[in-house]
């Protein structure tokens, strides 16, 4: 099917894989043994084409970080729905337990600016509510260095890791990381740019938020005073 060939070729090219890479990963990680010629036939747009089996499609979706629906052409959107690895939790007022480091746990991203370095975190706490609620999936892009005042960032400084709003005050020579809902334990973080600790600050821009339906319901009840 031409659509499968088009989408598979596009996803393989974007990930920077060769046909040999696909063969090796399928064999090593998924115990699926096919030849390079078979991969070529999957990608062939003209002439005799072989469609991948369900098992191969499922494995390829994981390797290429796209949905099976995208590869099969089930969705009508020309953009692939990308699978983003969830690497842990991030504090939004709650303790940063980082207890979700599981293999093959993903969320989905349908934006235009995908790159393979993107990662996702599960929000822990409500300091960034209502934009980010406890349990929401927060997608970050470490390659997007265009961080401006008002952007949400996932930052790390020494053992501290959290999600807050970025603000840089040029006149005061400081960066501030600000939660929507500060608490005694979860405060505004102020870093002087001429302080030595500034060199240890790592920040990645939050580019998408997937709302968790249970947290959304809880937030609505909170807003109407029922919890």
N, C-alpha and C. Protein backbone atom coordinates (compact mmCIF):
# COMPACT_ATOMS: atom_id res chain seq x y z
N UNK A 1 0.85 -1.18 0.00
CA UNK A 1 0.00 0.00 0.00
C UNK A 1 0.89 1.24 0.00
N UNK A 2 0.63 2.15 -0.95
CA UNK A 2 1.50 3.30 -1.13
C UNK A 2 1.56 4.17 0.11
N UNK A 3 0.41 4.34 0.81
CA UNK A 3 0.39 5.21 1.98
C UNK A 3 1.30 4.70 3.07
N UNK A 4 1.29 3.38 3.32
CA UNK A 4 2.19 2.80 4.32
C UNK A 4 3.64 3.03 3.91
N UNK A 5 3.95 2.80 2.63
CA UNK A 5 5.32 3.00 2.15
C UNK A 5 5.76 4.44 2.34
N UNK A 6 4.88 5.39 2.03
CA UNK A 6 5.22 6.81 2.17
C UNK A 6 5.50 7.16 3.62
N UNK A 7 4.61 6.75 4.49
CA UNK A 7 4.73 7.14 5.90
C UNK A 7 5.88 6.41 6.58
N UNK A 8 6.09 5.17 6.23
CA UNK A 8 7.20 4.42 6.81
C UNK A 8 8.53 5.01 6.37
N UNK A 9 8.66 5.32 5.10
CA UNK A 9 9.90 5.91 4.59
C UNK A 9 10.17 7.25 5.25
N UNK A 10 9.12 8.06 5.39
CA UNK A 10 9.27 9.38 6.00
C UNK A 10 9.74 9.27 7.45
N UNK A 11 9.14 8.33 8.19
CA UNK A 11 9.49 8.17 9.61
C UNK A 11 10.91 7.63 9.77
N UNK A 12 11.30 6.68 8.91
CA UNK A 12 12.66 6.12 8.98
C UNK A 12 13.69 7.21 8.66
N UNK A 13 13.40 7.99 7.64
CA UNK A 13 14.33 9.07 7.25
C UNK A 13 14.46 10.11 8.36
N UNK A 14 13.35 10.47 8.98
CA UNK A 14 13.38 11.50 10.02
C UNK A 14 14.15 11.03 11.24
N UNK A 15 14.10 9.75 11.54
CA UNK A 15 14.85 9.22 12.68
C UNK A 15 16.32 8.97 12.34
N UNK A 16 16.65 9.08 11.07
CA UNK A 16 18.04 8.92 10.66
C UNK A 16 18.50 7.48 10.59
N UNK A 17 17.56 6.54 10.41
CA UNK A 17 17.90 5.12 10.34
C UNK A 17 18.10 4.70 8.89
N UNK A 18 18.95 3.70 8.70
CA UNK A 18 19.08 3.03 7.41
C UNK A 18 18.23 1.77 7.44
N UNK A 19 18.08 1.14 6.27
CA UNK A 19 17.35 -0.14 6.24
C UNK A 19 18.04 -1.18 7.11
N UNK A 20 19.38 -1.16 7.09
CA UNK A 20 20.14 -2.11 7.92
C UNK A 20 19.90 -1.86 9.40
N UNK A 21 19.79 -0.60 9.79
CA UNK A 21 19.49 -0.27 11.19
C UNK A 21 18.16 -0.89 11.61
N UNK A 22 17.16 -0.77 10.76
CA UNK A 22 15.83 -1.30 11.07
C UNK A 22 15.89 -2.82 11.25
N UNK A 23 16.61 -3.48 10.34
CA UNK A 23 16.76 -4.94 10.44
C UNK A 23 17.42 -5.32 11.76
N UNK A 24 18.48 -4.62 12.12
CA UNK A 24 19.23 -4.95 13.34
C UNK A 24 18.41 -4.70 14.60
N UNK A 25 17.68 -3.58 14.65
CA UNK A 25 16.87 -3.26 15.83
C UNK A 25 15.72 -4.25 15.98
N UNK A 26 15.07 -4.59 14.87
CA UNK A 26 13.98 -5.56 14.92
C UNK A 26 14.47 -6.90 15.46
N UNK A 27 15.66 -7.32 15.01
CA UNK A 27 16.21 -8.60 15.45
C UNK A 27 16.64 -8.56 16.91
N UNK A 28 17.38 -7.51 17.28
CA UNK A 28 17.96 -7.43 18.62
C UNK A 28 16.92 -7.17 19.70
N UNK A 29 16.01 -6.21 19.45
CA UNK A 29 15.08 -5.76 20.49
C UNK A 29 13.72 -6.42 20.44
N UNK A 30 13.34 -6.97 19.28
CA UNK A 30 11.99 -7.50 19.14
C UNK A 30 11.95 -8.94 18.66
N UNK A 31 13.12 -9.53 18.45
CA UNK A 31 13.20 -10.92 18.01
C UNK A 31 12.41 -11.15 16.71
N UNK A 32 12.47 -10.15 15.83
CA UNK A 32 11.82 -10.25 14.53
C UNK A 32 12.92 -10.26 13.47
N UNK A 33 13.01 -11.33 12.72
CA UNK A 33 14.10 -11.48 11.75
C UNK A 33 13.58 -11.32 10.33
N UNK A 34 13.97 -10.23 9.71
CA UNK A 34 13.62 -9.98 8.31
C UNK A 34 14.89 -9.50 7.61
N UNK A 35 14.85 -9.48 6.28
CA UNK A 35 16.02 -9.08 5.50
C UNK A 35 15.94 -7.60 5.13
N UNK A 36 17.07 -7.07 4.68
CA UNK A 36 17.09 -5.70 4.18
C UNK A 36 16.17 -5.55 2.97
N UNK A 37 16.14 -6.58 2.12
CA UNK A 37 15.26 -6.53 0.95
C UNK A 37 13.79 -6.43 1.36
N UNK A 38 13.44 -7.08 2.49
CA UNK A 38 12.06 -7.00 2.96
C UNK A 38 11.73 -5.58 3.42
N UNK A 39 12.66 -4.95 4.13
CA UNK A 39 12.44 -3.56 4.54
C UNK A 39 12.28 -2.67 3.31
N UNK A 40 13.12 -2.92 2.30
CA UNK A 40 13.01 -2.15 1.06
C UNK A 40 11.64 -2.33 0.42
N UNK A 41 11.12 -3.54 0.50
CA UNK A 41 9.80 -3.79 -0.10
C UNK A 41 8.69 -3.08 0.67
N UNK A 42 8.87 -2.95 2.00
CA UNK A 42 7.91 -2.18 2.80
C UNK A 42 7.86 -0.72 2.33
N UNK A 43 9.05 -0.21 1.92
CA UNK A 43 9.17 1.20 1.60
C UNK A 43 8.98 1.49 0.11
N UNK A 44 8.81 0.45 -0.69
CA UNK A 44 8.72 0.62 -2.14
C UNK A 44 7.38 1.26 -2.51
N UNK A 45 7.45 2.38 -3.20
CA UNK A 45 6.23 3.11 -3.55
C UNK A 45 5.68 2.70 -4.92
N UNK A 46 6.56 2.15 -5.74
CA UNK A 46 6.14 1.70 -7.07
C UNK A 46 6.58 0.25 -7.26
N UNK A 47 5.81 -0.50 -8.00
CA UNK A 47 6.16 -1.90 -8.23
C UNK A 47 5.63 -2.79 -7.12
N UNK A 48 6.20 -4.00 -7.02
CA UNK A 48 5.71 -4.98 -6.06
C UNK A 48 6.05 -4.56 -4.64
N UNK A 49 5.03 -4.48 -3.82
CA UNK A 49 5.19 -4.00 -2.45
C UNK A 49 4.66 -5.06 -1.49
N UNK A 50 5.38 -5.25 -0.37
CA UNK A 50 4.93 -6.16 0.69
C UNK A 50 4.54 -5.33 1.90
N UNK A 51 3.34 -5.55 2.43
CA UNK A 51 2.92 -4.83 3.61
C UNK A 51 3.42 -5.52 4.87
N UNK A 52 3.88 -4.78 5.86
CA UNK A 52 4.35 -5.38 7.11
C UNK A 52 3.21 -6.08 7.85
N UNK A 53 3.58 -7.11 8.59
CA UNK A 53 2.60 -7.79 9.43
C UNK A 53 2.24 -6.89 10.61
N UNK A 54 1.18 -7.27 11.34
CA UNK A 54 0.77 -6.52 12.52
C UNK A 54 1.90 -6.47 13.55
N UNK A 55 2.60 -7.58 13.71
CA UNK A 55 3.72 -7.64 14.66
C UNK A 55 4.82 -6.66 14.27
N UNK A 56 5.13 -6.61 12.98
CA UNK A 56 6.19 -5.71 12.51
C UNK A 56 5.74 -4.25 12.62
N UNK A 57 4.49 -3.97 12.26
CA UNK A 57 3.96 -2.60 12.38
C UNK A 57 4.06 -2.11 13.82
N UNK A 58 3.68 -2.96 14.77
CA UNK A 58 3.73 -2.58 16.19
C UNK A 58 5.16 -2.28 16.62
N UNK A 59 6.09 -3.12 16.20
CA UNK A 59 7.50 -2.90 16.55
C UNK A 59 8.04 -1.63 15.89
N UNK A 60 7.70 -1.43 14.63
CA UNK A 60 8.17 -0.24 13.92
C UNK A 60 7.63 1.04 14.56
N UNK A 61 6.39 1.01 15.04
CA UNK A 61 5.83 2.20 15.67
C UNK A 61 6.63 2.59 16.91
N UNK A 62 7.11 1.58 17.65
CA UNK A 62 7.92 1.85 18.84
C UNK A 62 9.31 2.37 18.46
N UNK A 63 9.89 1.75 17.45
CA UNK A 63 11.23 2.15 17.00
C UNK A 63 11.22 3.58 16.46
N UNK A 64 10.17 3.92 15.73
CA UNK A 64 10.12 5.20 15.02
C UNK A 64 9.37 6.28 15.80
N UNK A 65 8.81 5.89 16.96
CA UNK A 65 8.08 6.84 17.82
C UNK A 65 6.90 7.48 17.09
N UNK A 66 6.15 6.65 16.40
CA UNK A 66 4.90 7.10 15.78
C UNK A 66 3.82 6.11 16.16
N UNK A 67 2.57 6.49 15.95
CA UNK A 67 1.47 5.58 16.27
C UNK A 67 1.30 4.55 15.16
N UNK A 68 0.72 3.40 15.52
CA UNK A 68 0.41 2.39 14.50
C UNK A 68 -0.63 2.93 13.52
N UNK A 69 -1.57 3.75 14.02
CA UNK A 69 -2.59 4.35 13.14
C UNK A 69 -1.94 5.22 12.07
N UNK A 70 -0.89 5.93 12.45
CA UNK A 70 -0.20 6.78 11.47
C UNK A 70 0.42 5.92 10.37
N UNK A 71 1.13 4.84 10.76
CA UNK A 71 1.78 3.99 9.76
C UNK A 71 0.75 3.32 8.85
N UNK A 72 -0.39 2.94 9.42
CA UNK A 72 -1.41 2.23 8.65
C UNK A 72 -2.30 3.18 7.85
N UNK A 73 -2.18 4.48 8.11
CA UNK A 73 -3.01 5.43 7.39
C UNK A 73 -4.43 5.49 7.90
N UNK A 74 -4.66 5.03 9.16
CA UNK A 74 -6.01 5.07 9.71
C UNK A 74 -6.45 6.50 9.97
N UNK A 75 -5.51 7.34 10.47
CA UNK A 75 -5.84 8.73 10.71
C UNK A 75 -5.74 9.52 9.41
N UNK A 76 -6.53 10.55 9.32
CA UNK A 76 -6.54 11.36 8.10
C UNK A 76 -5.54 12.49 8.14
N UNK A 77 -5.01 12.78 9.34
CA UNK A 77 -4.05 13.88 9.48
C UNK A 77 -2.73 13.47 8.84
N UNK A 78 -2.15 14.35 8.06
CA UNK A 78 -0.89 14.03 7.42
C UNK A 78 0.28 14.07 8.41
N UNK A 79 0.06 14.71 9.57
CA UNK A 79 1.13 14.76 10.57
C UNK A 79 1.16 13.44 11.34
N UNK A 80 2.33 12.90 11.59
CA UNK A 80 2.39 11.71 12.44
C UNK A 80 2.12 12.08 13.89
N UNK A 81 1.44 11.18 14.59
CA UNK A 81 1.28 11.33 16.03
C UNK A 81 2.47 10.63 16.66
N UNK A 82 3.36 11.39 17.26
CA UNK A 82 4.62 10.85 17.76
C UNK A 82 4.49 10.29 19.16
N UNK A 83 5.23 9.23 19.40
CA UNK A 83 5.30 8.65 20.73
C UNK A 83 6.51 9.24 21.45
N UNK A 84 6.26 9.88 22.58
CA UNK A 84 7.32 10.53 23.34
C UNK A 84 7.58 9.72 24.60
N UNK A 85 8.83 9.34 24.88
CA UNK A 85 9.10 8.54 26.07
C UNK A 85 8.86 9.34 27.35
N UNK A 86 8.17 8.71 28.30
CA UNK A 86 7.98 9.30 29.62
C UNK A 86 9.16 8.83 30.48
N UNK A 87 9.95 9.79 30.96
CA UNK A 87 11.21 9.45 31.64
C UNK A 87 11.10 9.55 33.16
N UNK A 88 10.00 10.07 33.68
CA UNK A 88 9.87 10.17 35.13
C UNK A 88 8.82 11.18 35.52
N UNK A 89 8.90 11.66 36.76
CA UNK A 89 7.99 12.69 37.26
C UNK A 89 8.75 14.00 37.41
N UNK A 90 8.01 15.08 37.54
CA UNK A 90 8.61 16.38 37.83
C UNK A 90 7.73 17.09 38.85
N UNK A 91 8.37 17.74 39.81
CA UNK A 91 7.63 18.40 40.88
C UNK A 91 6.89 19.62 40.37
N UNK A 92 5.61 19.68 40.69
CA UNK A 92 4.79 20.88 40.53
C UNK A 92 4.18 21.19 41.89
N UNK A 93 5.03 21.25 42.88
CA UNK A 93 4.59 21.47 44.25
C UNK A 93 4.63 20.22 45.09
N UNK A 94 4.51 19.05 44.44
CA UNK A 94 4.60 17.78 45.16
C UNK A 94 6.05 17.31 45.21
N UNK A 95 6.32 16.29 46.02
CA UNK A 95 7.69 15.77 46.09
C UNK A 95 8.10 15.16 44.77
N UNK A 96 9.35 15.39 44.38
CA UNK A 96 9.85 14.88 43.10
C UNK A 96 10.35 13.45 43.30
N UNK A 97 9.42 12.50 43.26
CA UNK A 97 9.74 11.10 43.52
C UNK A 97 10.49 10.47 42.35
N UNK A 98 10.19 10.94 41.12
CA UNK A 98 10.82 10.40 39.91
C UNK A 98 10.75 8.87 39.87
N UNK A 99 9.54 8.36 40.12
CA UNK A 99 9.38 6.91 40.27
C UNK A 99 8.79 6.25 39.03
N UNK A 100 8.78 6.96 37.90
CA UNK A 100 8.13 6.41 36.71
C UNK A 100 9.12 6.07 35.61
N UNK A 101 10.32 5.71 35.97
CA UNK A 101 11.33 5.40 34.96
C UNK A 101 11.12 3.97 34.45
N UNK A 102 10.13 3.83 33.59
CA UNK A 102 9.76 2.53 33.06
C UNK A 102 10.13 2.45 31.59
N UNK A 103 10.53 1.27 31.16
CA UNK A 103 10.85 1.05 29.75
C UNK A 103 9.56 0.98 28.94
N UNK A 104 9.58 1.62 27.77
CA UNK A 104 8.45 1.57 26.84
C UNK A 104 7.18 2.19 27.40
N UNK A 105 7.30 3.24 28.19
CA UNK A 105 6.14 4.02 28.59
C UNK A 105 6.18 5.32 27.80
N UNK A 106 5.08 5.62 27.10
CA UNK A 106 5.06 6.75 26.18
C UNK A 106 3.80 7.59 26.37
N UNK A 107 3.87 8.84 25.90
CA UNK A 107 2.67 9.62 25.66
C UNK A 107 2.71 10.05 24.20
N UNK A 108 1.75 10.86 23.77
CA UNK A 108 1.65 11.17 22.35
C UNK A 108 1.70 12.67 22.10
N UNK A 109 2.36 13.02 20.97
CA UNK A 109 2.54 14.42 20.59
C UNK A 109 2.19 14.57 19.12
N UNK A 110 1.26 15.47 18.83
CA UNK A 110 0.84 15.67 17.44
C UNK A 110 1.24 17.02 16.88
N UNK A 111 2.19 17.69 17.53
CA UNK A 111 2.62 19.01 17.08
C UNK A 111 3.51 18.97 15.86
N UNK A 112 3.86 20.16 15.38
CA UNK A 112 4.63 20.27 14.14
C UNK A 112 6.14 20.22 14.35
N UNK A 113 6.59 20.40 15.58
CA UNK A 113 8.03 20.60 15.81
C UNK A 113 8.68 19.43 16.51
N UNK A 114 8.31 18.23 16.14
CA UNK A 114 8.87 17.03 16.76
C UNK A 114 10.36 16.89 16.47
N UNK A 115 11.09 16.43 17.48
CA UNK A 115 12.44 15.92 17.25
C UNK A 115 12.68 14.74 18.21
N UNK A 116 13.60 13.86 17.87
CA UNK A 116 13.78 12.62 18.66
C UNK A 116 14.30 12.84 20.07
N UNK A 117 14.74 14.05 20.43
CA UNK A 117 15.25 14.31 21.77
C UNK A 117 14.14 14.67 22.76
N UNK A 118 12.93 14.84 22.30
CA UNK A 118 11.83 15.20 23.20
C UNK A 118 11.61 14.11 24.25
N UNK A 119 11.19 14.55 25.42
CA UNK A 119 10.85 13.62 26.48
C UNK A 119 9.64 14.15 27.24
N UNK A 120 9.02 13.29 28.03
CA UNK A 120 7.84 13.70 28.78
C UNK A 120 7.99 13.35 30.25
N UNK A 121 7.29 14.12 31.08
CA UNK A 121 7.28 13.92 32.52
C UNK A 121 5.83 13.92 33.00
N UNK A 122 5.59 13.24 34.11
CA UNK A 122 4.27 13.30 34.75
C UNK A 122 4.33 14.35 35.85
N UNK A 123 3.42 15.33 35.79
CA UNK A 123 3.39 16.40 36.79
C UNK A 123 2.98 15.85 38.14
N UNK A 124 3.70 16.29 39.18
CA UNK A 124 3.43 15.84 40.54
C UNK A 124 3.11 17.06 41.40
N UNK A 125 1.81 17.31 41.59
CA UNK A 125 1.39 18.46 42.38
C UNK A 125 0.60 19.45 41.55
N UNK A 126 0.08 20.48 42.21
CA UNK A 126 -0.82 21.44 41.56
C UNK A 126 -0.31 22.88 41.61
N UNK A 127 1.02 23.07 41.76
CA UNK A 127 1.54 24.44 41.83
C UNK A 127 1.43 25.17 40.50
N UNK A 128 1.25 24.41 39.39
CA UNK A 128 1.13 25.04 38.07
C UNK A 128 -0.30 24.98 37.55
N UNK A 129 -1.25 24.61 38.42
CA UNK A 129 -2.66 24.56 38.04
C UNK A 129 -3.19 26.01 37.91
N UNK A 130 -4.08 26.26 36.95
CA UNK A 130 -4.86 25.30 36.17
C UNK A 130 -4.23 24.85 34.85
N UNK A 131 -3.08 25.41 34.46
CA UNK A 131 -2.50 25.02 33.18
C UNK A 131 -1.95 23.61 33.21
N UNK A 132 -1.29 23.25 34.31
CA UNK A 132 -0.78 21.90 34.49
C UNK A 132 -1.30 21.39 35.83
N UNK A 133 -2.03 20.28 35.78
CA UNK A 133 -2.57 19.67 36.99
C UNK A 133 -1.82 18.39 37.32
N UNK A 134 -1.99 17.95 38.54
CA UNK A 134 -1.36 16.71 39.00
C UNK A 134 -1.73 15.56 38.07
N UNK A 135 -0.73 14.85 37.57
CA UNK A 135 -0.98 13.71 36.68
C UNK A 135 -0.91 14.02 35.20
N UNK A 136 -0.86 15.30 34.83
CA UNK A 136 -0.76 15.66 33.41
C UNK A 136 0.59 15.23 32.82
N UNK A 137 0.58 14.98 31.52
CA UNK A 137 1.82 14.66 30.80
C UNK A 137 2.42 15.95 30.24
N UNK A 138 3.65 16.22 30.60
CA UNK A 138 4.32 17.47 30.22
C UNK A 138 5.46 17.12 29.26
N UNK A 139 5.37 17.61 28.02
CA UNK A 139 6.34 17.28 26.99
C UNK A 139 7.36 18.40 26.85
N UNK A 140 8.64 18.04 26.90
CA UNK A 140 9.73 19.01 26.89
C UNK A 140 10.63 18.79 25.67
N UNK A 141 11.19 19.90 25.19
CA UNK A 141 12.07 19.84 24.02
C UNK A 141 13.44 20.43 24.39
N UNK A 142 14.45 19.59 24.62
CA UNK A 142 15.77 20.11 24.98
C UNK A 142 16.49 20.81 23.83
N UNK A 143 15.99 20.68 22.61
CA UNK A 143 16.63 21.34 21.48
C UNK A 143 16.07 22.73 21.20
N UNK A 144 14.95 23.06 21.82
CA UNK A 144 14.35 24.38 21.63
C UNK A 144 14.95 25.33 22.66
N UNK A 145 15.96 26.10 22.24
CA UNK A 145 16.65 27.01 23.15
C UNK A 145 16.06 28.42 23.13
N UNK A 146 14.95 28.59 22.43
CA UNK A 146 14.30 29.90 22.37
C UNK A 146 13.37 30.04 23.57
N UNK A 147 13.96 30.23 24.75
CA UNK A 147 13.20 30.34 25.98
C UNK A 147 13.03 31.81 26.31
N UNK A 148 11.76 32.25 26.38
CA UNK A 148 11.44 33.65 26.62
C UNK A 148 10.65 33.81 27.91
N UNK A 149 10.61 35.03 28.42
CA UNK A 149 9.83 35.30 29.62
C UNK A 149 8.39 34.83 29.44
N UNK A 150 7.89 34.10 30.43
CA UNK A 150 6.54 33.57 30.36
C UNK A 150 6.45 32.14 29.89
N UNK A 151 7.54 31.60 29.32
CA UNK A 151 7.55 30.20 28.92
C UNK A 151 7.60 29.30 30.17
N UNK A 152 7.03 28.12 30.04
CA UNK A 152 7.13 27.12 31.10
C UNK A 152 8.34 26.25 30.82
N UNK A 153 9.13 25.99 31.86
CA UNK A 153 10.35 25.19 31.68
C UNK A 153 10.41 24.08 32.72
N UNK A 154 11.06 23.01 32.34
CA UNK A 154 11.48 21.98 33.29
C UNK A 154 12.94 22.27 33.60
N UNK A 155 13.24 22.55 34.87
CA UNK A 155 14.61 22.92 35.20
C UNK A 155 15.22 21.95 36.21
N UNK A 156 16.53 21.88 36.15
CA UNK A 156 17.30 21.10 37.13
C UNK A 156 18.41 21.99 37.67
N UNK A 157 18.56 21.97 38.97
CA UNK A 157 19.66 22.69 39.62
C UNK A 157 20.11 21.86 40.81
N UNK A 158 21.32 21.29 40.68
CA UNK A 158 21.81 20.33 41.68
C UNK A 158 20.80 19.19 41.79
N UNK A 159 20.23 18.96 42.98
CA UNK A 159 19.27 17.86 43.17
C UNK A 159 17.83 18.32 43.01
N UNK A 160 17.64 19.58 42.67
CA UNK A 160 16.29 20.13 42.53
C UNK A 160 15.83 20.02 41.08
N UNK A 161 14.60 19.58 40.91
CA UNK A 161 14.02 19.43 39.57
C UNK A 161 12.54 19.76 39.65
N UNK A 162 12.09 20.69 38.82
CA UNK A 162 10.69 21.11 38.92
C UNK A 162 10.25 21.78 37.63
N UNK A 163 8.96 22.08 37.56
CA UNK A 163 8.37 22.79 36.43
C UNK A 163 7.83 24.12 36.93
N UNK A 164 8.31 25.22 36.32
CA UNK A 164 7.89 26.56 36.71
C UNK A 164 7.91 27.49 35.50
N UNK A 165 7.52 28.73 35.71
CA UNK A 165 7.51 29.74 34.66
C UNK A 165 8.84 30.49 34.67
N UNK A 166 9.40 30.70 33.50
CA UNK A 166 10.70 31.37 33.36
C UNK A 166 10.51 32.88 33.27
N UNK A 167 11.35 33.60 34.02
CA UNK A 167 11.39 35.06 33.91
C UNK A 167 12.81 35.55 34.13
N UNK A 168 13.32 36.31 33.16
CA UNK A 168 14.66 36.87 33.26
C UNK A 168 14.56 38.39 33.38
N UNK A 169 15.15 38.93 34.46
CA UNK A 169 15.16 40.37 34.69
C UNK A 169 16.57 40.87 34.38
N UNK A 170 16.71 41.48 33.21
CA UNK A 170 18.03 41.93 32.76
C UNK A 170 18.59 43.02 33.69
N UNK A 171 17.73 43.92 34.13
CA UNK A 171 18.19 45.03 34.97
C UNK A 171 18.70 44.53 36.32
N UNK A 172 18.00 43.54 36.88
CA UNK A 172 18.40 43.01 38.18
C UNK A 172 19.44 41.90 38.06
N UNK A 173 19.70 41.46 36.80
CA UNK A 173 20.69 40.42 36.53
C UNK A 173 20.33 39.10 37.22
N UNK A 174 19.04 38.74 37.12
CA UNK A 174 18.57 37.51 37.76
C UNK A 174 17.65 36.73 36.81
N UNK A 175 17.56 35.43 37.09
CA UNK A 175 16.53 34.57 36.52
C UNK A 175 15.63 34.14 37.66
N UNK A 176 14.33 34.19 37.43
CA UNK A 176 13.38 33.68 38.42
C UNK A 176 12.57 32.55 37.80
N UNK A 177 12.33 31.53 38.59
CA UNK A 177 11.50 30.38 38.20
C UNK A 177 10.31 30.39 39.15
N UNK A 178 9.13 30.61 38.57
CA UNK A 178 7.97 31.02 39.37
C UNK A 178 6.82 30.03 39.19
N UNK A 179 6.27 29.48 40.27
CA UNK A 179 5.06 28.66 40.17
C UNK A 179 3.82 29.55 40.14
N UNK A 180 2.73 29.06 39.53
CA UNK A 180 1.47 29.79 39.57
C UNK A 180 1.00 29.95 41.01
N UNK A 181 1.15 28.89 41.78
CA UNK A 181 0.59 28.84 43.14
C UNK A 181 1.69 28.56 44.15
N UNK A 182 2.47 29.58 44.53
CA UNK A 182 3.57 29.35 45.48
C UNK A 182 3.05 28.88 46.84
N UNK A 183 3.84 28.06 47.48
CA UNK A 183 3.54 27.62 48.84
C UNK A 183 4.79 27.83 49.69
N UNK A 184 4.66 27.54 50.97
CA UNK A 184 5.81 27.68 51.87
C UNK A 184 6.95 26.77 51.43
N UNK A 185 6.59 25.59 50.92
CA UNK A 185 7.60 24.61 50.51
C UNK A 185 8.02 24.79 49.05
N UNK A 186 7.17 25.39 48.27
CA UNK A 186 7.42 25.48 46.82
C UNK A 186 7.39 26.95 46.43
N UNK A 187 8.56 27.57 46.47
CA UNK A 187 8.66 29.02 46.36
C UNK A 187 9.19 29.44 44.98
N UNK A 188 9.21 30.76 44.79
CA UNK A 188 9.89 31.34 43.65
C UNK A 188 11.39 31.09 43.81
N UNK A 189 12.02 30.58 42.76
CA UNK A 189 13.46 30.34 42.77
C UNK A 189 14.16 31.49 42.06
N UNK A 190 15.07 32.17 42.76
CA UNK A 190 15.80 33.30 42.18
C UNK A 190 17.28 32.94 42.07
N UNK A 191 17.83 33.14 40.87
CA UNK A 191 19.23 32.81 40.61
C UNK A 191 19.92 34.04 40.02
N UNK A 192 20.96 34.48 40.65
CA UNK A 192 21.73 35.60 40.12
C UNK A 192 22.61 35.10 38.96
N UNK A 193 22.61 35.85 37.88
CA UNK A 193 23.36 35.43 36.70
C UNK A 193 24.87 35.49 36.91
N UNK A 194 25.30 36.32 37.88
CA UNK A 194 26.73 36.39 38.16
C UNK A 194 27.14 35.47 39.31
N UNK A 195 26.18 34.63 39.75
CA UNK A 195 26.48 33.66 40.81
C UNK A 195 26.99 32.36 40.16
N UNK A 196 27.87 31.69 40.83
CA UNK A 196 28.46 30.47 40.26
C UNK A 196 27.42 29.37 40.03
N UNK A 197 26.33 29.38 40.80
CA UNK A 197 25.34 28.32 40.62
C UNK A 197 24.60 28.44 39.29
N UNK A 198 24.62 29.62 38.67
CA UNK A 198 23.92 29.81 37.40
C UNK A 198 24.45 28.87 36.32
N UNK A 199 25.75 28.52 36.41
CA UNK A 199 26.33 27.65 35.38
C UNK A 199 25.81 26.21 35.49
N UNK A 200 25.21 25.86 36.63
CA UNK A 200 24.69 24.51 36.82
C UNK A 200 23.20 24.41 36.51
N UNK A 201 22.58 25.53 36.18
CA UNK A 201 21.15 25.53 35.87
C UNK A 201 20.91 24.94 34.48
N UNK A 202 20.08 23.91 34.41
CA UNK A 202 19.68 23.31 33.14
C UNK A 202 18.18 23.54 32.96
N UNK A 203 17.79 24.01 31.79
CA UNK A 203 16.38 24.27 31.52
C UNK A 203 15.99 23.73 30.16
N UNK A 204 14.82 23.10 30.10
CA UNK A 204 14.25 22.66 28.83
C UNK A 204 12.83 23.19 28.73
N UNK A 205 12.50 23.65 27.55
CA UNK A 205 11.20 24.29 27.33
C UNK A 205 10.06 23.27 27.27
N UNK A 206 8.97 23.58 27.96
CA UNK A 206 7.76 22.77 27.86
C UNK A 206 7.02 23.19 26.60
N UNK A 207 6.78 22.23 25.70
CA UNK A 207 6.19 22.55 24.40
C UNK A 207 4.78 22.01 24.23
N UNK A 208 4.35 21.13 25.13
CA UNK A 208 2.98 20.59 25.04
C UNK A 208 2.58 20.00 26.39
N UNK A 209 1.28 19.99 26.64
CA UNK A 209 0.73 19.43 27.88
C UNK A 209 -0.46 18.57 27.50
N UNK A 210 -0.41 17.31 27.87
CA UNK A 210 -1.54 16.40 27.67
C UNK A 210 -2.30 16.31 28.98
N UNK A 211 -3.55 16.79 28.97
CA UNK A 211 -4.33 16.81 30.19
C UNK A 211 -4.79 15.40 30.58
N UNK A 212 -4.64 15.09 31.84
CA UNK A 212 -5.09 13.81 32.38
C UNK A 212 -6.53 13.99 32.81
N UNK A 213 -7.44 13.19 32.26
CA UNK A 213 -8.87 13.47 32.43
C UNK A 213 -9.30 13.46 33.89
N UNK A 214 -8.68 12.61 34.72
CA UNK A 214 -9.08 12.59 36.13
C UNK A 214 -8.68 13.87 36.84
N UNK A 215 -7.48 14.41 36.51
CA UNK A 215 -7.05 15.66 37.14
C UNK A 215 -7.92 16.81 36.67
N UNK A 216 -8.38 16.75 35.41
CA UNK A 216 -9.24 17.80 34.90
C UNK A 216 -10.57 17.83 35.64
N UNK A 217 -11.13 16.65 35.92
CA UNK A 217 -12.37 16.59 36.67
C UNK A 217 -12.18 17.13 38.07
N UNK A 218 -11.05 16.74 38.70
CA UNK A 218 -10.76 17.23 40.05
C UNK A 218 -10.63 18.74 40.06
N UNK A 219 -9.99 19.29 39.02
CA UNK A 219 -9.82 20.73 38.95
C UNK A 219 -11.16 21.44 38.81
N UNK A 220 -12.07 20.89 38.01
CA UNK A 220 -13.39 21.51 37.86
C UNK A 220 -14.13 21.53 39.17
N UNK A 221 -14.08 20.42 39.91
CA UNK A 221 -14.74 20.36 41.20
C UNK A 221 -14.14 21.35 42.19
N UNK A 222 -12.82 21.50 42.11
CA UNK A 222 -12.14 22.47 42.99
C UNK A 222 -12.61 23.88 42.66
N UNK A 223 -12.75 24.19 41.37
CA UNK A 223 -13.12 25.54 40.95
C UNK A 223 -14.55 25.90 41.35
N UNK A 224 -15.43 24.90 41.47
CA UNK A 224 -16.80 25.19 41.89
C UNK A 224 -17.01 24.94 43.37
N UNK A 225 -15.89 24.74 44.08
CA UNK A 225 -15.96 24.65 45.53
C UNK A 225 -16.55 23.36 46.08
N UNK A 226 -16.40 22.27 45.32
CA UNK A 226 -16.98 21.01 45.78
C UNK A 226 -15.93 20.06 46.34
N UNK A 227 -14.65 20.42 46.29
CA UNK A 227 -13.61 19.65 46.96
C UNK A 227 -12.62 20.61 47.61
